Amino acid sequence: MTNYGWSTRGEEQLQEVAGAFGLHPLAVEDAVHAHQRPKLERYGDMLFLVLKTIVYVDHDKASATSEIVDTGEIMVFAGPGFAITVRHGSAPPLDDVRRQHQDDPQQLGSGPAAVLHAVSDMVVDRYVEVADAFAGDSDSHSLEAEVFSPDRPVDAGRIYQLKRELLEFKRAVMPLDGALQRLSEGNGPRDSVEGRHVLPGRG
């Protein structure tokens, strides 16, 4: 299996990769322009998975304009014998995923489905990390104390900003449920040898 990683370096380079692997033009257009909702689409024997990534931004005190979370995207093209990744924005590097996949004969034997699983697993782990960071955010606790204290002024701008950041987190996470559900139900790429659906963790 070819595991080709590509980072956003221009449309021309992605078009060359698309031509070499026969990627569907609509999926390629989504990968070039980004700003897609999390989704899973099938084009013939190829799958196109879009994942939203979330990064918690360390801060001392939220203001009306400060960012608490930063988002990015990872797209995965998976087909017979290949998996291609495209990253935009605050998307983490996939070096650890690639090494884990290449060093594990069982995952390597599972083909492109193993890449889909590994990338999805990494993204979901980051969601948990961000949720934990929100829960332990001292600035959020301070703001909560202000709201429920009758003697302390409340900065409405900070409240609205925190709400916006939480909504951004929710918009990234919620649509992913449907895509991962479809993937877990057997809508993954077919194994080129046995002609069956392969997804790590399933029989």
N, C-alpha and C. Protein backbone atom coordinates (compact mmCIF):
# COMPACT_ATOMS: atom_id res chain seq x y z
N MET A 1 0.83 -1.19 0.00
CA MET A 1 0.00 0.00 0.00
C MET A 1 0.87 1.24 0.00
N THR A 2 0.48 2.23 -0.79
CA THR A 2 1.16 3.51 -0.79
C THR A 2 0.49 4.42 0.23
N ASN A 3 1.27 4.98 1.14
CA ASN A 3 0.75 5.93 2.12
C ASN A 3 1.41 7.26 1.83
N TYR A 4 0.74 8.12 1.09
CA TYR A 4 1.33 9.35 0.60
C TYR A 4 0.78 10.52 1.41
N GLY A 5 1.64 11.24 2.10
CA GLY A 5 1.21 12.39 2.88
C GLY A 5 1.50 13.68 2.13
N TRP A 6 0.53 14.57 2.07
CA TRP A 6 0.70 15.82 1.34
C TRP A 6 0.17 16.96 2.19
N SER A 7 0.94 18.01 2.34
CA SER A 7 0.52 19.17 3.10
C SER A 7 0.23 20.31 2.13
N THR A 8 -0.61 21.26 2.54
CA THR A 8 -1.09 22.29 1.62
C THR A 8 0.05 23.14 1.08
N ARG A 9 0.47 22.82 -0.13
CA ARG A 9 1.55 23.57 -0.78
C ARG A 9 1.13 24.10 -2.15
N GLY A 10 -0.17 24.12 -2.40
CA GLY A 10 -0.64 24.67 -3.65
C GLY A 10 -1.48 23.67 -4.43
N GLU A 11 -2.43 24.22 -5.18
CA GLU A 11 -3.37 23.38 -5.92
C GLU A 11 -2.68 22.55 -6.99
N GLU A 12 -1.65 23.11 -7.62
CA GLU A 12 -0.99 22.41 -8.73
C GLU A 12 -0.41 21.07 -8.27
N GLN A 13 0.22 21.05 -7.11
CA GLN A 13 0.81 19.80 -6.63
C GLN A 13 -0.27 18.76 -6.33
N LEU A 14 -1.37 19.19 -5.71
CA LEU A 14 -2.44 18.24 -5.41
C LEU A 14 -3.06 17.71 -6.69
N GLN A 15 -3.18 18.54 -7.71
CA GLN A 15 -3.74 18.08 -8.98
C GLN A 15 -2.85 17.00 -9.59
N GLU A 16 -1.54 17.13 -9.43
CA GLU A 16 -0.63 16.10 -9.94
C GLU A 16 -0.85 14.78 -9.21
N VAL A 17 -0.99 14.86 -7.88
CA VAL A 17 -1.25 13.66 -7.09
C VAL A 17 -2.61 13.06 -7.47
N ALA A 18 -3.60 13.92 -7.66
CA ALA A 18 -4.94 13.46 -8.03
C ALA A 18 -4.93 12.72 -9.36
N GLY A 19 -4.16 13.23 -10.31
CA GLY A 19 -4.06 12.56 -11.60
C GLY A 19 -3.39 11.21 -11.50
N ALA A 20 -2.37 11.12 -10.65
CA ALA A 20 -1.63 9.86 -10.51
C ALA A 20 -2.48 8.78 -9.86
N PHE A 21 -3.37 9.16 -8.92
CA PHE A 21 -4.15 8.17 -8.18
C PHE A 21 -5.61 8.12 -8.62
N GLY A 22 -6.00 8.93 -9.58
CA GLY A 22 -7.38 8.91 -10.06
C GLY A 22 -8.38 9.41 -9.05
N LEU A 23 -8.04 10.46 -8.31
CA LEU A 23 -8.95 11.01 -7.30
C LEU A 23 -10.10 11.75 -7.97
N HIS A 24 -11.27 11.68 -7.35
CA HIS A 24 -12.45 12.30 -7.93
C HIS A 24 -12.33 13.83 -7.88
N PRO A 25 -12.67 14.52 -8.99
CA PRO A 25 -12.50 15.98 -9.05
C PRO A 25 -13.25 16.73 -7.95
N LEU A 26 -14.46 16.28 -7.58
CA LEU A 26 -15.22 16.99 -6.55
C LEU A 26 -14.53 16.90 -5.19
N ALA A 27 -13.97 15.73 -4.89
CA ALA A 27 -13.25 15.57 -3.63
C ALA A 27 -11.96 16.39 -3.64
N VAL A 28 -11.30 16.43 -4.78
CA VAL A 28 -10.07 17.22 -4.90
C VAL A 28 -10.37 18.71 -4.70
N GLU A 29 -11.49 19.17 -5.27
CA GLU A 29 -11.87 20.57 -5.10
C GLU A 29 -12.11 20.89 -3.62
N ASP A 30 -12.78 19.98 -2.91
CA ASP A 30 -12.99 20.18 -1.47
C ASP A 30 -11.66 20.24 -0.72
N ALA A 31 -10.73 19.38 -1.11
CA ALA A 31 -9.43 19.32 -0.43
C ALA A 31 -8.61 20.58 -0.69
N VAL A 32 -8.75 21.16 -1.87
CA VAL A 32 -7.99 22.36 -2.21
C VAL A 32 -8.51 23.57 -1.44
N HIS A 33 -9.82 23.73 -1.42
CA HIS A 33 -10.40 24.96 -0.87
C HIS A 33 -10.70 24.87 0.62
N ALA A 34 -10.72 23.67 1.16
CA ALA A 34 -10.92 23.47 2.60
C ALA A 34 -12.25 24.06 3.07
N HIS A 35 -12.34 24.39 4.37
CA HIS A 35 -13.56 24.92 4.99
C HIS A 35 -14.75 24.00 4.75
N GLN A 36 -14.52 22.70 4.92
CA GLN A 36 -15.56 21.70 4.75
C GLN A 36 -16.07 21.23 6.10
N ARG A 37 -17.32 20.77 6.12
CA ARG A 37 -17.85 20.13 7.31
C ARG A 37 -17.32 18.70 7.39
N PRO A 38 -17.18 18.15 8.60
CA PRO A 38 -16.79 16.75 8.71
C PRO A 38 -17.77 15.87 7.94
N LYS A 39 -17.24 14.97 7.13
CA LYS A 39 -18.11 14.13 6.31
C LYS A 39 -17.34 12.94 5.78
N LEU A 40 -18.09 11.95 5.31
CA LEU A 40 -17.52 10.78 4.66
C LEU A 40 -18.27 10.58 3.35
N GLU A 41 -17.55 10.59 2.24
CA GLU A 41 -18.17 10.43 0.93
C GLU A 41 -17.49 9.30 0.17
N ARG A 42 -18.28 8.58 -0.62
CA ARG A 42 -17.72 7.51 -1.45
C ARG A 42 -17.80 7.91 -2.92
N TYR A 43 -16.72 7.71 -3.61
CA TYR A 43 -16.65 7.92 -5.05
C TYR A 43 -16.13 6.62 -5.67
N GLY A 44 -17.03 5.76 -6.10
CA GLY A 44 -16.61 4.47 -6.64
C GLY A 44 -15.93 3.64 -5.56
N ASP A 45 -14.69 3.26 -5.81
CA ASP A 45 -13.95 2.45 -4.83
C ASP A 45 -13.06 3.31 -3.94
N MET A 46 -13.29 4.62 -3.93
CA MET A 46 -12.49 5.54 -3.11
C MET A 46 -13.37 6.22 -2.07
N LEU A 47 -12.82 6.40 -0.87
CA LEU A 47 -13.49 7.15 0.19
C LEU A 47 -12.78 8.48 0.40
N PHE A 48 -13.57 9.50 0.75
CA PHE A 48 -13.02 10.81 1.07
C PHE A 48 -13.57 11.21 2.44
N LEU A 49 -12.67 11.31 3.42
CA LEU A 49 -13.05 11.63 4.80
C LEU A 49 -12.52 13.00 5.16
N VAL A 50 -13.40 13.85 5.70
CA VAL A 50 -13.01 15.18 6.17
C VAL A 50 -13.17 15.23 7.69
N LEU A 51 -12.11 15.62 8.37
CA LEU A 51 -12.11 15.73 9.83
C LEU A 51 -11.71 17.14 10.23
N LYS A 52 -12.42 17.71 11.19
CA LYS A 52 -12.05 19.00 11.76
C LYS A 52 -11.11 18.77 12.95
N THR A 53 -10.01 19.48 12.97
CA THR A 53 -9.07 19.38 14.08
C THR A 53 -9.24 20.59 15.01
N ILE A 54 -8.97 20.37 16.28
CA ILE A 54 -9.10 21.42 17.29
C ILE A 54 -7.82 21.50 18.11
N VAL A 55 -7.34 22.72 18.33
CA VAL A 55 -6.18 22.95 19.17
C VAL A 55 -6.56 23.97 20.24
N TYR A 56 -6.26 23.66 21.49
CA TYR A 56 -6.52 24.59 22.59
C TYR A 56 -5.40 25.62 22.63
N VAL A 57 -5.76 26.89 22.66
CA VAL A 57 -4.80 27.99 22.66
C VAL A 57 -4.60 28.46 24.10
N ASP A 58 -3.38 28.31 24.61
CA ASP A 58 -3.09 28.78 25.97
C ASP A 58 -3.28 30.29 26.07
N HIS A 59 -3.89 30.74 27.16
CA HIS A 59 -4.13 32.16 27.35
C HIS A 59 -4.20 32.46 28.84
N ASP A 60 -3.85 33.69 29.19
CA ASP A 60 -3.92 34.11 30.59
C ASP A 60 -5.34 34.52 30.97
N LYS A 61 -5.95 35.31 30.10
CA LYS A 61 -7.30 35.78 30.36
C LYS A 61 -7.99 36.07 29.03
N ALA A 62 -9.17 35.47 28.84
CA ALA A 62 -9.89 35.67 27.59
C ALA A 62 -10.42 37.09 27.51
N SER A 63 -10.33 37.66 26.32
CA SER A 63 -10.92 38.97 26.06
C SER A 63 -12.03 38.78 25.03
N ALA A 64 -12.62 39.89 24.61
CA ALA A 64 -13.70 39.81 23.64
C ALA A 64 -13.21 39.37 22.27
N THR A 65 -11.89 39.39 22.04
CA THR A 65 -11.36 39.03 20.72
C THR A 65 -10.36 37.89 20.76
N SER A 66 -9.99 37.42 21.93
CA SER A 66 -8.97 36.37 22.00
C SER A 66 -9.51 35.03 21.54
N GLU A 67 -8.62 34.18 21.03
CA GLU A 67 -8.99 32.84 20.61
C GLU A 67 -8.65 31.84 21.71
N ILE A 68 -9.57 30.93 21.96
CA ILE A 68 -9.33 29.88 22.94
C ILE A 68 -9.11 28.55 22.23
N VAL A 69 -9.78 28.37 21.09
CA VAL A 69 -9.54 27.19 20.28
C VAL A 69 -9.21 27.62 18.86
N ASP A 70 -8.39 26.83 18.20
CA ASP A 70 -8.04 27.07 16.81
C ASP A 70 -8.36 25.80 16.04
N THR A 71 -8.93 25.95 14.85
CA THR A 71 -9.37 24.78 14.09
C THR A 71 -8.55 24.60 12.83
N GLY A 72 -8.57 23.39 12.34
CA GLY A 72 -7.93 23.04 11.08
C GLY A 72 -8.70 21.89 10.46
N GLU A 73 -8.15 21.31 9.41
CA GLU A 73 -8.81 20.20 8.73
C GLU A 73 -7.79 19.16 8.29
N ILE A 74 -8.21 17.92 8.36
CA ILE A 74 -7.46 16.83 7.75
C ILE A 74 -8.40 16.10 6.80
N MET A 75 -7.99 15.96 5.55
CA MET A 75 -8.73 15.18 4.58
C MET A 75 -7.96 13.90 4.28
N VAL A 76 -8.68 12.80 4.14
CA VAL A 76 -8.05 11.53 3.81
C VAL A 76 -8.73 10.94 2.58
N PHE A 77 -7.95 10.71 1.54
CA PHE A 77 -8.41 9.94 0.38
C PHE A 77 -7.94 8.50 0.59
N ALA A 78 -8.85 7.55 0.55
CA ALA A 78 -8.48 6.15 0.74
C ALA A 78 -9.08 5.31 -0.38
N GLY A 79 -8.22 4.55 -1.04
CA GLY A 79 -8.67 3.69 -2.12
C GLY A 79 -7.83 2.44 -2.17
N PRO A 80 -8.05 1.59 -3.15
CA PRO A 80 -7.28 0.34 -3.25
C PRO A 80 -5.78 0.60 -3.31
N GLY A 81 -5.08 0.26 -2.23
CA GLY A 81 -3.63 0.36 -2.23
C GLY A 81 -3.06 1.70 -1.87
N PHE A 82 -3.90 2.68 -1.48
CA PHE A 82 -3.32 3.99 -1.14
C PHE A 82 -4.17 4.72 -0.11
N ALA A 83 -3.50 5.61 0.61
CA ALA A 83 -4.16 6.57 1.50
C ALA A 83 -3.39 7.87 1.40
N ILE A 84 -4.08 8.95 1.10
CA ILE A 84 -3.45 10.26 0.90
C ILE A 84 -4.06 11.23 1.90
N THR A 85 -3.23 11.96 2.61
CA THR A 85 -3.72 12.92 3.59
C THR A 85 -3.39 14.35 3.16
N VAL A 86 -4.33 15.25 3.41
CA VAL A 86 -4.16 16.67 3.12
C VAL A 86 -4.51 17.44 4.40
N ARG A 87 -3.65 18.37 4.78
CA ARG A 87 -3.87 19.13 6.02
C ARG A 87 -3.99 20.62 5.75
N HIS A 88 -4.90 21.26 6.49
CA HIS A 88 -5.08 22.71 6.42
C HIS A 88 -5.14 23.28 7.83
N GLY A 89 -4.65 24.50 7.99
CA GLY A 89 -4.79 25.20 9.26
C GLY A 89 -4.07 24.51 10.40
N SER A 90 -4.68 24.55 11.58
CA SER A 90 -4.07 23.99 12.78
C SER A 90 -4.32 22.49 12.85
N ALA A 91 -3.81 21.79 11.86
CA ALA A 91 -3.92 20.33 11.84
C ALA A 91 -2.58 19.75 12.26
N PRO A 92 -2.57 18.84 13.22
CA PRO A 92 -1.30 18.30 13.71
C PRO A 92 -0.61 17.46 12.65
N PRO A 93 0.72 17.38 12.69
CA PRO A 93 1.45 16.50 11.76
C PRO A 93 1.08 15.05 12.01
N LEU A 94 1.23 14.24 10.98
CA LEU A 94 0.82 12.83 11.06
C LEU A 94 2.00 11.88 11.12
N ASP A 95 3.16 12.39 11.53
CA ASP A 95 4.36 11.55 11.57
C ASP A 95 4.18 10.35 12.49
N ASP A 96 3.59 10.58 13.68
CA ASP A 96 3.40 9.47 14.62
C ASP A 96 2.45 8.43 14.06
N VAL A 97 1.38 8.88 13.40
CA VAL A 97 0.43 7.95 12.80
C VAL A 97 1.11 7.13 11.71
N ARG A 98 1.92 7.79 10.90
CA ARG A 98 2.61 7.09 9.82
C ARG A 98 3.58 6.05 10.37
N ARG A 99 4.35 6.43 11.39
CA ARG A 99 5.30 5.47 11.97
C ARG A 99 4.58 4.29 12.61
N GLN A 100 3.51 4.59 13.34
CA GLN A 100 2.74 3.53 13.99
C GLN A 100 2.19 2.55 12.95
N HIS A 101 1.72 3.08 11.86
CA HIS A 101 1.14 2.24 10.81
C HIS A 101 2.21 1.39 10.14
N GLN A 102 3.35 2.01 9.82
CA GLN A 102 4.39 1.29 9.10
C GLN A 102 5.11 0.27 9.97
N ASP A 103 5.13 0.49 11.29
CA ASP A 103 5.85 -0.42 12.19
C ASP A 103 4.98 -1.57 12.69
N ASP A 104 3.69 -1.56 12.37
CA ASP A 104 2.78 -2.60 12.84
C ASP A 104 2.32 -3.44 11.66
N PRO A 105 2.82 -4.67 11.52
CA PRO A 105 2.44 -5.52 10.38
C PRO A 105 0.94 -5.74 10.28
N GLN A 106 0.25 -5.82 11.42
CA GLN A 106 -1.19 -6.06 11.39
C GLN A 106 -1.92 -4.86 10.79
N GLN A 107 -1.54 -3.65 11.21
CA GLN A 107 -2.15 -2.46 10.63
C GLN A 107 -1.79 -2.32 9.16
N LEU A 108 -0.54 -2.60 8.85
CA LEU A 108 -0.09 -2.49 7.46
C LEU A 108 -0.89 -3.44 6.58
N GLY A 109 -1.19 -4.63 7.11
CA GLY A 109 -1.96 -5.60 6.36
C GLY A 109 -3.42 -5.21 6.19
N SER A 110 -3.91 -4.31 7.05
CA SER A 110 -5.30 -3.87 6.95
C SER A 110 -5.50 -2.82 5.87
N GLY A 111 -4.41 -2.33 5.29
CA GLY A 111 -4.50 -1.42 4.17
C GLY A 111 -5.00 -0.03 4.53
N PRO A 112 -5.65 0.66 3.57
CA PRO A 112 -6.05 2.05 3.78
C PRO A 112 -7.06 2.23 4.90
N ALA A 113 -7.84 1.20 5.22
CA ALA A 113 -8.80 1.32 6.33
C ALA A 113 -8.08 1.60 7.64
N ALA A 114 -6.89 1.04 7.80
CA ALA A 114 -6.12 1.27 9.03
C ALA A 114 -5.69 2.73 9.14
N VAL A 115 -5.40 3.35 8.00
CA VAL A 115 -5.03 4.77 8.01
C VAL A 115 -6.23 5.63 8.41
N LEU A 116 -7.40 5.33 7.84
CA LEU A 116 -8.61 6.05 8.21
C LEU A 116 -8.86 5.94 9.71
N HIS A 117 -8.72 4.75 10.23
CA HIS A 117 -8.95 4.51 11.66
C HIS A 117 -7.94 5.28 12.50
N ALA A 118 -6.66 5.21 12.14
CA ALA A 118 -5.61 5.84 12.94
C ALA A 118 -5.74 7.36 12.95
N VAL A 119 -6.03 7.95 11.80
CA VAL A 119 -6.17 9.41 11.73
C VAL A 119 -7.41 9.85 12.51
N SER A 120 -8.52 9.13 12.35
CA SER A 120 -9.74 9.46 13.09
C SER A 120 -9.51 9.36 14.59
N ASP A 121 -8.81 8.31 15.01
CA ASP A 121 -8.53 8.10 16.42
C ASP A 121 -7.70 9.24 17.00
N MET A 122 -6.70 9.70 16.24
CA MET A 122 -5.86 10.80 16.69
C MET A 122 -6.67 12.08 16.85
N VAL A 123 -7.55 12.36 15.87
CA VAL A 123 -8.35 13.57 15.92
C VAL A 123 -9.29 13.55 17.12
N VAL A 124 -9.94 12.41 17.35
CA VAL A 124 -10.87 12.31 18.49
C VAL A 124 -10.11 12.45 19.81
N ASP A 125 -8.90 11.89 19.89
CA ASP A 125 -8.09 12.06 21.10
C ASP A 125 -7.82 13.54 21.37
N ARG A 126 -7.58 14.30 20.30
CA ARG A 126 -7.36 15.74 20.48
C ARG A 126 -8.63 16.44 20.98
N TYR A 127 -9.79 15.98 20.54
CA TYR A 127 -11.04 16.55 21.05
C TYR A 127 -11.12 16.38 22.57
N VAL A 128 -10.77 15.19 23.03
CA VAL A 128 -10.81 14.90 24.47
C VAL A 128 -9.84 15.82 25.22
N GLU A 129 -8.65 16.02 24.63
CA GLU A 129 -7.66 16.89 25.26
C GLU A 129 -8.19 18.32 25.38
N VAL A 130 -8.85 18.81 24.32
CA VAL A 130 -9.38 20.17 24.34
C VAL A 130 -10.52 20.28 25.35
N ALA A 131 -11.39 19.27 25.40
CA ALA A 131 -12.49 19.28 26.36
C ALA A 131 -11.95 19.31 27.79
N ASP A 132 -10.90 18.53 28.04
CA ASP A 132 -10.28 18.54 29.37
C ASP A 132 -9.66 19.90 29.69
N ALA A 133 -9.07 20.52 28.65
CA ALA A 133 -8.46 21.84 28.86
C ALA A 133 -9.52 22.88 29.20
N PHE A 134 -10.67 22.80 28.53
CA PHE A 134 -11.77 23.70 28.87
C PHE A 134 -12.22 23.49 30.31
N ALA A 135 -12.34 22.23 30.70
CA ALA A 135 -12.81 21.91 32.05
C ALA A 135 -11.86 22.43 33.12
N GLY A 136 -10.56 22.47 32.80
CA GLY A 136 -9.58 22.93 33.78
C GLY A 136 -9.12 24.35 33.58
N ASP A 137 -9.78 25.09 32.68
CA ASP A 137 -9.38 26.46 32.35
C ASP A 137 -9.63 27.38 33.54
N SER A 138 -8.57 27.92 34.10
CA SER A 138 -8.70 28.79 35.27
C SER A 138 -9.44 30.08 34.93
N ASP A 139 -9.28 30.56 33.70
CA ASP A 139 -9.97 31.79 33.30
C ASP A 139 -11.48 31.55 33.24
N SER A 140 -11.89 30.37 32.76
CA SER A 140 -13.32 30.04 32.72
C SER A 140 -13.88 29.96 34.13
N HIS A 141 -13.10 29.38 35.05
CA HIS A 141 -13.55 29.29 36.44
C HIS A 141 -13.68 30.69 37.05
N SER A 142 -12.73 31.56 36.71
CA SER A 142 -12.79 32.93 37.22
C SER A 142 -14.02 33.66 36.70
N LEU A 143 -14.32 33.45 35.41
CA LEU A 143 -15.49 34.08 34.82
C LEU A 143 -16.77 33.56 35.45
N GLU A 144 -16.80 32.26 35.73
CA GLU A 144 -17.96 31.67 36.39
C GLU A 144 -18.17 32.28 37.77
N ALA A 145 -17.08 32.51 38.49
CA ALA A 145 -17.18 33.11 39.82
C ALA A 145 -17.72 34.54 39.73
N GLU A 146 -17.31 35.27 38.69
CA GLU A 146 -17.80 36.63 38.51
C GLU A 146 -19.31 36.64 38.26
N VAL A 147 -19.77 35.70 37.43
CA VAL A 147 -21.19 35.66 37.07
C VAL A 147 -22.06 35.42 38.30
N PHE A 148 -21.59 34.56 39.20
CA PHE A 148 -22.41 34.20 40.35
C PHE A 148 -22.08 35.01 41.61
N SER A 149 -21.24 36.02 41.45
CA SER A 149 -20.93 36.89 42.58
C SER A 149 -21.66 38.22 42.42
N PRO A 150 -22.52 38.57 43.37
CA PRO A 150 -23.30 39.82 43.23
C PRO A 150 -22.44 41.07 43.38
N ASP A 151 -21.26 40.94 43.92
CA ASP A 151 -20.43 42.11 44.20
C ASP A 151 -19.33 42.34 43.17
N ARG A 152 -19.28 41.49 42.13
CA ARG A 152 -18.20 41.62 41.15
C ARG A 152 -18.78 41.96 39.79
N PRO A 153 -18.15 42.92 39.06
CA PRO A 153 -18.64 43.25 37.72
C PRO A 153 -18.38 42.10 36.75
N VAL A 154 -19.26 41.96 35.79
CA VAL A 154 -19.16 40.87 34.81
C VAL A 154 -18.79 41.46 33.45
N ASP A 155 -17.76 40.88 32.83
CA ASP A 155 -17.34 41.31 31.50
C ASP A 155 -18.14 40.51 30.47
N ALA A 156 -19.16 41.15 29.90
CA ALA A 156 -20.02 40.46 28.94
C ALA A 156 -19.24 40.01 27.70
N GLY A 157 -18.25 40.80 27.31
CA GLY A 157 -17.45 40.44 26.14
C GLY A 157 -16.75 39.11 26.32
N ARG A 158 -16.23 38.86 27.51
CA ARG A 158 -15.56 37.58 27.79
C ARG A 158 -16.55 36.43 27.73
N ILE A 159 -17.76 36.66 28.23
CA ILE A 159 -18.78 35.62 28.20
C ILE A 159 -19.13 35.25 26.76
N TYR A 160 -19.38 36.27 25.93
CA TYR A 160 -19.73 36.00 24.54
C TYR A 160 -18.58 35.34 23.79
N GLN A 161 -17.35 35.75 24.10
CA GLN A 161 -16.21 35.14 23.43
C GLN A 161 -16.07 33.67 23.80
N LEU A 162 -16.24 33.36 25.07
CA LEU A 162 -16.18 31.96 25.50
C LEU A 162 -17.28 31.15 24.84
N LYS A 163 -18.46 31.74 24.73
CA LYS A 163 -19.57 31.04 24.07
C LYS A 163 -19.25 30.79 22.60
N ARG A 164 -18.66 31.78 21.92
CA ARG A 164 -18.29 31.60 20.51
C ARG A 164 -17.28 30.48 20.35
N GLU A 165 -16.30 30.44 21.25
CA GLU A 165 -15.27 29.40 21.15
C GLU A 165 -15.86 28.01 21.41
N LEU A 166 -16.78 27.92 22.37
CA LEU A 166 -17.43 26.64 22.63
C LEU A 166 -18.28 26.20 21.45
N LEU A 167 -18.95 27.15 20.79
CA LEU A 167 -19.74 26.82 19.61
C LEU A 167 -18.85 26.36 18.47
N GLU A 168 -17.67 26.98 18.33
CA GLU A 168 -16.73 26.54 17.31
C GLU A 168 -16.29 25.10 17.56
N PHE A 169 -16.04 24.79 18.81
CA PHE A 169 -15.69 23.42 19.20
C PHE A 169 -16.83 22.46 18.85
N LYS A 170 -18.05 22.86 19.19
CA LYS A 170 -19.22 22.00 18.93
C LYS A 170 -19.41 21.79 17.43
N ARG A 171 -19.23 22.84 16.63
CA ARG A 171 -19.41 22.70 15.18
C ARG A 171 -18.39 21.75 14.58
N ALA A 172 -17.22 21.68 15.18
CA ALA A 172 -16.19 20.77 14.68
C ALA A 172 -16.49 19.33 15.07
N VAL A 173 -17.03 19.14 16.27
CA VAL A 173 -17.18 17.79 16.81
C VAL A 173 -18.47 17.11 16.37
N MET A 174 -19.60 17.81 16.45
CA MET A 174 -20.90 17.17 16.29
C MET A 174 -21.10 16.48 14.94
N PRO A 175 -20.77 17.11 13.79
CA PRO A 175 -21.01 16.43 12.51
C PRO A 175 -20.16 15.19 12.30
N LEU A 176 -19.09 15.04 13.08
CA LEU A 176 -18.19 13.91 12.90
C LEU A 176 -18.86 12.59 13.28
N ASP A 177 -19.86 12.65 14.14
CA ASP A 177 -20.51 11.43 14.62
C ASP A 177 -21.07 10.62 13.47
N GLY A 178 -21.75 11.28 12.53
CA GLY A 178 -22.35 10.57 11.41
C GLY A 178 -21.31 9.92 10.52
N ALA A 179 -20.21 10.64 10.25
CA ALA A 179 -19.16 10.10 9.38
C ALA A 179 -18.51 8.88 10.01
N LEU A 180 -18.19 8.95 11.29
CA LEU A 180 -17.54 7.82 11.96
C LEU A 180 -18.51 6.65 12.12
N GLN A 181 -19.80 6.94 12.28
CA GLN A 181 -20.79 5.87 12.38
C GLN A 181 -20.85 5.09 11.06
N ARG A 182 -20.87 5.81 9.94
CA ARG A 182 -20.88 5.15 8.63
C ARG A 182 -19.63 4.32 8.44
N LEU A 183 -18.51 4.85 8.88
CA LEU A 183 -17.25 4.13 8.73
C LEU A 183 -17.24 2.86 9.56
N SER A 184 -17.75 2.94 10.78
CA SER A 184 -17.75 1.77 11.67
C SER A 184 -18.74 0.71 11.22
N GLU A 185 -19.75 1.10 10.44
CA GLU A 185 -20.75 0.14 9.98
C GLU A 185 -20.33 -0.59 8.71
N GLY A 186 -19.11 -0.34 8.26
CA GLY A 186 -18.62 -1.10 7.12
C GLY A 186 -18.58 -0.34 5.82
N ASN A 187 -18.60 0.98 5.88
CA ASN A 187 -18.50 1.78 4.67
C ASN A 187 -17.07 2.17 4.37
N GLY A 188 -16.13 1.39 4.89
CA GLY A 188 -14.72 1.65 4.65
C GLY A 188 -14.28 1.10 3.31
N PRO A 189 -13.03 1.37 2.90
CA PRO A 189 -12.53 0.87 1.64
C PRO A 189 -12.43 -0.64 1.65
N ARG A 190 -12.65 -1.26 0.52
CA ARG A 190 -12.63 -2.71 0.44
C ARG A 190 -11.20 -3.22 0.29
N ASP A 191 -10.94 -4.32 0.98
CA ASP A 191 -9.64 -4.95 0.87
C ASP A 191 -9.47 -5.49 -0.54
N SER A 192 -8.37 -5.18 -1.19
CA SER A 192 -8.18 -5.52 -2.59
C SER A 192 -7.98 -7.01 -2.81
N VAL A 193 -7.63 -7.77 -1.74
CA VAL A 193 -7.38 -9.20 -1.91
C VAL A 193 -8.64 -10.02 -1.67
N GLU A 194 -9.31 -9.76 -0.54
CA GLU A 194 -10.44 -10.59 -0.16
C GLU A 194 -11.78 -9.97 -0.54
N GLY A 195 -11.79 -8.71 -0.98
CA GLY A 195 -13.03 -8.08 -1.38
C GLY A 195 -13.99 -7.84 -0.23
N ARG A 196 -13.49 -7.62 0.96
CA ARG A 196 -14.37 -7.40 2.11
C ARG A 196 -14.00 -6.10 2.79
N HIS A 197 -14.91 -5.60 3.60
CA HIS A 197 -14.64 -4.38 4.35
C HIS A 197 -13.66 -4.67 5.47
N VAL A 198 -12.68 -3.80 5.65
CA VAL A 198 -11.70 -3.98 6.70
C VAL A 198 -11.64 -2.71 7.53
N LEU A 199 -11.84 -2.83 8.82
CA LEU A 199 -11.67 -1.70 9.73
C LEU A 199 -11.12 -2.25 11.03
N PRO A 200 -9.98 -1.74 11.51
CA PRO A 200 -9.40 -2.24 12.75
C PRO A 200 -10.42 -2.21 13.88
N GLY A 201 -10.43 -3.29 14.67
CA GLY A 201 -11.34 -3.35 15.80
C GLY A 201 -12.64 -4.05 15.47
N ARG A 202 -12.83 -4.43 14.20
CA ARG A 202 -14.04 -5.14 13.80
C ARG A 202 -13.66 -6.53 13.33
N GLY A 203 -14.57 -7.48 13.50
CA GLY A 203 -14.28 -8.84 13.12
C GLY A 203 -14.35 -9.07 11.63
